[in-house]
Amino acid sequence: MLDQMKYVSDVLIDSPVPYQNLKDHALYFELNDEKVPVVSVRYLIEMKLHTERAQDIADVRHLRSILKDGKKD
């Protein structure tokens, strides 16, 4: 699934998901020979729902379609 995503990062100040949960369920991809942790799709959805911003709600629809299609968490 990560190959479908653009390399964009967000800085999160206040997460509704405890850091340890994010860390325990992180996905990893390689960038310049380094393993970079990224939040799982399920937790990303939870965090985006917490913001209630229009773009995040649109992102949630797309992320849910990825999960529905059986893509990797």
PDB file of N, CA and C in Angstrom:
ATOM      1  N   MET A   1       0.801  -1.183   0.000  1.00  0.00           N
ATOM      2  CA  MET A   1       0.000   0.000   0.000  1.00  0.00           C
ATOM      3  C   MET A   1       0.854   1.261   0.000  1.00  0.00           C
ATOM      4  N   LEU A   2       1.985   1.252   0.671  1.00  0.00           N
ATOM      5  CA  LEU A   2       2.807   2.461   0.728  1.00  0.00           C
ATOM      6  C   LEU A   2       3.250   2.916  -0.646  1.00  0.00           C
ATOM      7  N   ASP A   3       3.394   1.973  -1.588  1.00  0.00           N
ATOM      8  CA  ASP A   3       3.797   2.373  -2.925  1.00  0.00           C
ATOM      9  C   ASP A   3       2.708   3.174  -3.625  1.00  0.00           C
ATOM     10  N   GLN A   4       1.470   3.115  -3.148  1.00  0.00           N
ATOM     11  CA  GLN A   4       0.369   3.891  -3.714  1.00  0.00           C
ATOM     12  C   GLN A   4       0.315   5.309  -3.153  1.00  0.00           C
ATOM     13  N   MET A   5       0.999   5.539  -2.076  1.00  0.00           N
ATOM     14  CA  MET A   5       0.909   6.822  -1.396  1.00  0.00           C
ATOM     15  C   MET A   5       2.049   7.738  -1.804  1.00  0.00           C
ATOM     16  N   LYS A   6       1.758   9.008  -1.862  1.00  0.00           N
ATOM     17  CA  LYS A   6       2.792  10.000  -2.102  1.00  0.00           C
ATOM     18  C   LYS A   6       3.567  10.186  -0.809  1.00  0.00           C
ATOM     19  N   TYR A   7       4.781  10.593  -0.927  1.00  0.00           N
ATOM     20  CA  TYR A   7       5.594  10.827   0.261  1.00  0.00           C
ATOM     21  C   TYR A   7       5.304  12.222   0.806  1.00  0.00           C
ATOM     22  N   VAL A   8       4.319  12.275   1.668  1.00  0.00           N
ATOM     23  CA  VAL A   8       3.910  13.516   2.310  1.00  0.00           C
ATOM     24  C   VAL A   8       3.915  13.255   3.808  1.00  0.00           C
ATOM     25  N   SER A   9       4.347  14.222   4.546  1.00  0.00           N
ATOM     26  CA  SER A   9       4.340  14.027   5.996  1.00  0.00           C
ATOM     27  C   SER A   9       3.506  15.117   6.656  1.00  0.00           C
ATOM     28  N   ASP A  10       2.939  14.756   7.771  1.00  0.00           N
ATOM     29  CA  ASP A  10       2.196  15.689   8.608  1.00  0.00           C
ATOM     30  C   ASP A  10       2.848  15.683   9.976  1.00  0.00           C
ATOM     31  N   VAL A  11       2.803  16.807  10.625  1.00  0.00           N
ATOM     32  CA  VAL A  11       3.273  16.901  12.001  1.00  0.00           C
ATOM     33  C   VAL A  11       2.040  16.888  12.876  1.00  0.00           C
ATOM     34  N   LEU A  12       2.046  16.001  13.836  1.00  0.00           N
ATOM     35  CA  LEU A  12       0.895  15.845  14.712  1.00  0.00           C
ATOM     36  C   LEU A  12       1.267  16.318  16.111  1.00  0.00           C
ATOM     37  N   ILE A  13       0.496  17.242  16.626  1.00  0.00           N
ATOM     38  CA  ILE A  13       0.768  17.799  17.948  1.00  0.00           C
ATOM     39  C   ILE A  13      -0.023  17.067  19.028  1.00  0.00           C
ATOM     40  N   ASP A  14      -1.287  16.792  18.750  1.00  0.00           N
ATOM     41  CA  ASP A  14      -2.171  16.177  19.736  1.00  0.00           C
ATOM     42  C   ASP A  14      -2.827  14.955  19.106  1.00  0.00           C
ATOM     43  N   SER A  15      -2.470  13.777  19.571  1.00  0.00           N
ATOM     44  CA  SER A  15      -2.994  12.549  18.995  1.00  0.00           C
ATOM     45  C   SER A  15      -4.023  11.903  19.922  1.00  0.00           C
ATOM     46  N   PRO A  16      -5.158  11.456  19.351  1.00  0.00           N
ATOM     47  CA  PRO A  16      -6.125  10.725  20.160  1.00  0.00           C
ATOM     48  C   PRO A  16      -5.666   9.289  20.437  1.00  0.00           C
ATOM     49  N   VAL A  17      -4.578   8.883  19.793  1.00  0.00           N
ATOM     50  CA  VAL A  17      -4.038   7.531  19.947  1.00  0.00           C
ATOM     51  C   VAL A  17      -2.739   7.621  20.742  1.00  0.00           C
ATOM     52  N   PRO A  18      -2.610   6.865  21.806  1.00  0.00           N
ATOM     53  CA  PRO A  18      -1.364   6.898  22.584  1.00  0.00           C
ATOM     54  C   PRO A  18      -0.139   6.540  21.727  1.00  0.00           C
ATOM     55  N   TYR A  19       0.959   7.227  21.992  1.00  0.00           N
ATOM     56  CA  TYR A  19       2.186   7.025  21.223  1.00  0.00           C
ATOM     57  C   TYR A  19       2.597   5.555  21.176  1.00  0.00           C
ATOM     58  N   GLN A  20       2.512   4.864  22.286  1.00  0.00           N
ATOM     59  CA  GLN A  20       2.947   3.465  22.318  1.00  0.00           C
ATOM     60  C   GLN A  20       2.145   2.613  21.335  1.00  0.00           C
ATOM     61  N   ASN A  21       0.853   2.879  21.216  1.00  0.00           N
ATOM     62  CA  ASN A  21       0.030   2.157  20.237  1.00  0.00           C
ATOM     63  C   ASN A  21       0.504   2.438  18.813  1.00  0.00           C
ATOM     64  N   LEU A  22       0.773   3.717  18.534  1.00  0.00           N
ATOM     65  CA  LEU A  22       1.262   4.083  17.205  1.00  0.00           C
ATOM     66  C   LEU A  22       2.581   3.378  16.912  1.00  0.00           C
ATOM     67  N   LYS A  23       3.457   3.373  17.887  1.00  0.00           N
ATOM     68  CA  LYS A  23       4.774   2.746  17.716  1.00  0.00           C
ATOM     69  C   LYS A  23       4.640   1.237  17.528  1.00  0.00           C
ATOM     70  N   ASP A  24       3.804   0.599  18.336  1.00  0.00           N
ATOM     71  CA  ASP A  24       3.650  -0.851  18.266  1.00  0.00           C
ATOM     72  C   ASP A  24       3.055  -1.325  16.945  1.00  0.00           C
ATOM     73  N   HIS A  25       2.276  -0.482  16.281  1.00  0.00           N
ATOM     74  CA  HIS A  25       1.589  -0.879  15.052  1.00  0.00           C
ATOM     75  C   HIS A  25       2.100  -0.128  13.823  1.00  0.00           C
ATOM     76  N   ALA A  26       3.252   0.496  13.953  1.00  0.00           N
ATOM     77  CA  ALA A  26       3.813   1.264  12.838  1.00  0.00           C
ATOM     78  C   ALA A  26       4.171   0.355  11.667  1.00  0.00           C
ATOM     79  N   LEU A  27       4.065   0.921  10.480  1.00  0.00           N
ATOM     80  CA  LEU A  27       4.543   0.279   9.263  1.00  0.00           C
ATOM     81  C   LEU A  27       5.871   0.940   8.914  1.00  0.00           C
ATOM     82  N   TYR A  28       6.718   0.239   8.198  1.00  0.00           N
ATOM     83  CA  TYR A  28       8.033   0.789   7.857  1.00  0.00           C
ATOM     84  C   TYR A  28       8.248   0.737   6.354  1.00  0.00           C
ATOM     85  N   PHE A  29       8.873   1.785   5.832  1.00  0.00           N
ATOM     86  CA  PHE A  29       9.307   1.761   4.448  1.00  0.00           C
ATOM     87  C   PHE A  29      10.712   2.339   4.392  1.00  0.00           C
ATOM     88  N   GLU A  30      11.400   2.022   3.316  1.00  0.00           N
ATOM     89  CA  GLU A  30      12.781   2.495   3.184  1.00  0.00           C
ATOM     90  C   GLU A  30      12.830   3.797   2.402  1.00  0.00           C
ATOM     91  N   LEU A  31      13.627   4.707   2.901  1.00  0.00           N
ATOM     92  CA  LEU A  31      13.861   5.987   2.263  1.00  0.00           C
ATOM     93  C   LEU A  31      15.338   6.296   2.409  1.00  0.00           C
ATOM     94  N   ASN A  32      16.036   6.334   1.298  1.00  0.00           N
ATOM     95  CA  ASN A  32      17.482   6.586   1.324  1.00  0.00           C
ATOM     96  C   ASN A  32      18.203   5.630   2.274  1.00  0.00           C
ATOM     97  N   ASP A  33      17.903   4.356   2.150  1.00  0.00           N
ATOM     98  CA  ASP A  33      18.524   3.290   2.942  1.00  0.00           C
ATOM     99  C   ASP A  33      18.222   3.363   4.437  1.00  0.00           C
ATOM    100  N   GLU A  34      17.210   4.090   4.809  1.00  0.00           N
ATOM    101  CA  GLU A  34      16.783   4.165   6.207  1.00  0.00           C
ATOM    102  C   GLU A  34      15.361   3.633   6.317  1.00  0.00           C
ATOM    103  N   LYS A  35      15.059   2.910   7.385  1.00  0.00           N
ATOM    104  CA  LYS A  35      13.692   2.473   7.640  1.00  0.00           C
ATOM    105  C   LYS A  35      12.955   3.593   8.362  1.00  0.00           C
ATOM    106  N   VAL A  36      11.858   4.033   7.762  1.00  0.00           N
ATOM    107  CA  VAL A  36      11.081   5.148   8.294  1.00  0.00           C
ATOM    108  C   VAL A  36       9.737   4.614   8.800  1.00  0.00           C
ATOM    109  N   PRO A  37       9.413   4.847  10.065  1.00  0.00           N
ATOM    110  CA  PRO A  37       8.113   4.388  10.580  1.00  0.00           C
ATOM    111  C   PRO A  37       6.993   5.328  10.144  1.00  0.00           C
ATOM    112  N   VAL A  38       5.865   4.731   9.812  1.00  0.00           N
ATOM    113  CA  VAL A  38       4.668   5.510   9.488  1.00  0.00           C
ATOM    114  C   VAL A  38       3.489   4.891  10.239  1.00  0.00           C
ATOM    115  N   VAL A  39       2.511   5.701  10.502  1.00  0.00           N
ATOM    116  CA  VAL A  39       1.339   5.244  11.243  1.00  0.00           C
ATOM    117  C   VAL A  39       0.531   4.274  10.382  1.00  0.00           C
ATOM    118  N   SER A  40      -0.092   3.292  11.013  1.00  0.00           N
ATOM    119  CA  SER A  40      -0.929   2.346  10.283  1.00  0.00           C
ATOM    120  C   SER A  40      -2.167   3.060   9.741  1.00  0.00           C
ATOM    121  N   VAL A  41      -2.769   2.490   8.717  1.00  0.00           N
ATOM    122  CA  VAL A  41      -3.947   3.099   8.100  1.00  0.00           C
ATOM    123  C   VAL A  41      -5.085   3.230   9.111  1.00  0.00           C
ATOM    124  N   ARG A  42      -5.302   2.215   9.908  1.00  0.00           N
ATOM    125  CA  ARG A  42      -6.399   2.282  10.884  1.00  0.00           C
ATOM    126  C   ARG A  42      -6.194   3.427  11.895  1.00  0.00           C
ATOM    127  N   TYR A  43      -4.980   3.587  12.379  1.00  0.00           N
ATOM    128  CA  TYR A  43      -4.731   4.685  13.320  1.00  0.00           C
ATOM    129  C   TYR A  43      -4.735   6.038  12.615  1.00  0.00           C
ATOM    130  N   LEU A  44      -4.304   6.077  11.372  1.00  0.00           N
ATOM    131  CA  LEU A  44      -4.360   7.328  10.618  1.00  0.00           C
ATOM    132  C   LEU A  44      -5.807   7.776  10.459  1.00  0.00           C
ATOM    133  N   ILE A  45      -6.683   6.838  10.172  1.00  0.00           N
ATOM    134  CA  ILE A  45      -8.111   7.156  10.079  1.00  0.00           C
ATOM    135  C   ILE A  45      -8.613   7.728  11.405  1.00  0.00           C
ATOM    136  N   GLU A  46      -8.271   7.072  12.488  1.00  0.00           N
ATOM    137  CA  GLU A  46      -8.711   7.546  13.809  1.00  0.00           C
ATOM    138  C   GLU A  46      -8.214   8.966  14.080  1.00  0.00           C
ATOM    139  N   MET A  47      -6.965   9.234  13.744  1.00  0.00           N
ATOM    140  CA  MET A  47      -6.408  10.568  13.992  1.00  0.00           C
ATOM    141  C   MET A  47      -7.061  11.613  13.097  1.00  0.00           C
ATOM    142  N   LYS A  48      -7.324  11.272  11.837  1.00  0.00           N
ATOM    143  CA  LYS A  48      -7.949  12.228  10.927  1.00  0.00           C
ATOM    144  C   LYS A  48      -9.395  12.519  11.319  1.00  0.00           C
ATOM    145  N   LEU A  49     -10.105  11.535  11.836  1.00  0.00           N
ATOM    146  CA  LEU A  49     -11.470  11.782  12.308  1.00  0.00           C
ATOM    147  C   LEU A  49     -11.478  12.739  13.497  1.00  0.00           C
ATOM    148  N   HIS A  50     -10.428  12.706  14.275  1.00  0.00           N
ATOM    149  CA  HIS A  50     -10.310  13.559  15.457  1.00  0.00           C
ATOM    150  C   HIS A  50     -10.214  15.044  15.081  1.00  0.00           C
ATOM    151  N   THR A  51      -9.661  15.355  13.909  1.00  0.00           N
ATOM    152  CA  THR A  51      -9.458  16.756  13.525  1.00  0.00           C
ATOM    153  C   THR A  51     -10.722  17.426  13.023  1.00  0.00           C
ATOM    154  N   GLU A  52     -11.611  16.658  12.407  1.00  0.00           N
ATOM    155  CA  GLU A  52     -12.860  17.167  11.848  1.00  0.00           C
ATOM    156  C   GLU A  52     -12.653  18.189  10.733  1.00  0.00           C
ATOM    157  N   ARG A  53     -11.480  18.222  10.111  1.00  0.00           N
ATOM    158  CA  ARG A  53     -11.248  19.115   8.974  1.00  0.00           C
ATOM    159  C   ARG A  53     -11.792  18.464   7.705  1.00  0.00           C
ATOM    160  N   ALA A  54     -12.274  19.275   6.783  1.00  0.00           N
ATOM    161  CA  ALA A  54     -12.876  18.763   5.545  1.00  0.00           C
ATOM    162  C   ALA A  54     -11.901  17.879   4.774  1.00  0.00           C
ATOM    163  N   GLN A  55     -10.664  18.292   4.634  1.00  0.00           N
ATOM    164  CA  GLN A  55      -9.691  17.490   3.884  1.00  0.00           C
ATOM    165  C   GLN A  55      -9.428  16.154   4.572  1.00  0.00           C
ATOM    166  N   ASP A  56      -9.375  16.168   5.889  1.00  0.00           N
ATOM    167  CA  ASP A  56      -9.153  14.920   6.619  1.00  0.00           C
ATOM    168  C   ASP A  56     -10.334  13.963   6.456  1.00  0.00           C
ATOM    169  N   ILE A  57     -11.546  14.491   6.433  1.00  0.00           N
ATOM    170  CA  ILE A  57     -12.718  13.645   6.226  1.00  0.00           C
ATOM    171  C   ILE A  57     -12.672  13.020   4.830  1.00  0.00           C
ATOM    172  N   ALA A  58     -12.264  13.794   3.837  1.00  0.00           N
ATOM    173  CA  ALA A  58     -12.102  13.256   2.483  1.00  0.00           C
ATOM    174  C   ALA A  58     -11.009  12.189   2.462  1.00  0.00           C
ATOM    175  N   ASP A  59      -9.929  12.442   3.177  1.00  0.00           N
ATOM    176  CA  ASP A  59      -8.849  11.449   3.266  1.00  0.00           C
ATOM    177  C   ASP A  59      -9.346  10.152   3.899  1.00  0.00           C
ATOM    178  N   VAL A  60     -10.195  10.275   4.910  1.00  0.00           N
ATOM    179  CA  VAL A  60     -10.732   9.089   5.597  1.00  0.00           C
ATOM    180  C   VAL A  60     -11.528   8.232   4.613  1.00  0.00           C
ATOM    181  N   ARG A  61     -12.326   8.872   3.768  1.00  0.00           N
ATOM    182  CA  ARG A  61     -13.086   8.101   2.763  1.00  0.00           C
ATOM    183  C   ARG A  61     -12.136   7.296   1.882  1.00  0.00           C
ATOM    184  N   HIS A  62     -11.071   7.934   1.441  1.00  0.00           N
ATOM    185  CA  HIS A  62     -10.097   7.250   0.585  1.00  0.00           C
ATOM    186  C   HIS A  62      -9.381   6.127   1.350  1.00  0.00           C
ATOM    187  N   LEU A  63      -8.972   6.398   2.561  1.00  0.00           N
ATOM    188  CA  LEU A  63      -8.275   5.385   3.363  1.00  0.00           C
ATOM    189  C   LEU A  63      -9.175   4.188   3.651  1.00  0.00           C
ATOM    190  N   ARG A  64     -10.444   4.444   3.909  1.00  0.00           N
ATOM    191  CA  ARG A  64     -11.381   3.332   4.149  1.00  0.00           C
ATOM    192  C   ARG A  64     -11.551   2.482   2.894  1.00  0.00           C
ATOM    193  N   SER A  65     -11.527   3.121   1.725  1.00  0.00           N
ATOM    194  CA  SER A  65     -11.636   2.345   0.485  1.00  0.00           C
ATOM    195  C   SER A  65     -10.408   1.457   0.297  1.00  0.00           C
ATOM    196  N   ILE A  66      -9.258   1.930   0.730  1.00  0.00           N
ATOM    197  CA  ILE A  66      -8.046   1.111   0.661  1.00  0.00           C
ATOM    198  C   ILE A  66      -8.208  -0.121   1.553  1.00  0.00           C
ATOM    199  N   LEU A  67      -8.692   0.084   2.768  1.00  0.00           N
ATOM    200  CA  LEU A  67      -8.911  -1.047   3.682  1.00  0.00           C
ATOM    201  C   LEU A  67      -9.970  -1.994   3.136  1.00  0.00           C
ATOM    202  N   LYS A  68     -11.039  -1.439   2.565  1.00  0.00           N
ATOM    203  CA  LYS A  68     -12.109  -2.265   2.031  1.00  0.00           C
ATOM    204  C   LYS A  68     -11.607  -3.156   0.891  1.00  0.00           C
ATOM    205  N   ASP A  69     -10.685  -2.628   0.104  1.00  0.00           N
ATOM    206  CA  ASP A  69     -10.127  -3.389  -1.016  1.00  0.00           C
ATOM    207  C   ASP A  69      -9.150  -4.454  -0.555  1.00  0.00           C
ATOM    208  N   GLY A  70      -8.961  -4.553   0.774  1.00  0.00           N
ATOM    209  CA  GLY A  70      -8.120  -5.608   1.311  1.00  0.00           C
ATOM    210  C   GLY A  70      -6.636  -5.314   1.272  1.00  0.00           C
ATOM    211  N   LYS A  71      -6.295  -4.057   1.170  1.00  0.00           N
ATOM    212  CA  LYS A  71      -4.878  -3.699   1.176  1.00  0.00           C
ATOM    213  C   LYS A  71      -4.317  -3.881   2.567  1.00  0.00           C
ATOM    214  N   LYS A  72      -3.004  -3.916   2.634  1.00  0.00           N
ATOM    215  CA  LYS A  72      -2.314  -4.111   3.904  1.00  0.00           C
ATOM    216  C   LYS A  72      -2.599  -2.973   4.869  1.00  0.00           C
ATOM    217  N   ASP A  73      -2.702  -3.297   6.148  1.00  0.00           N
ATOM    218  CA  ASP A  73      -2.905  -2.342   7.232  1.00  0.00           C
ATOM    219  C   ASP A  73      -1.754  -1.378   7.186  1.00  0.00           C
TER     220      ASP A  73
END
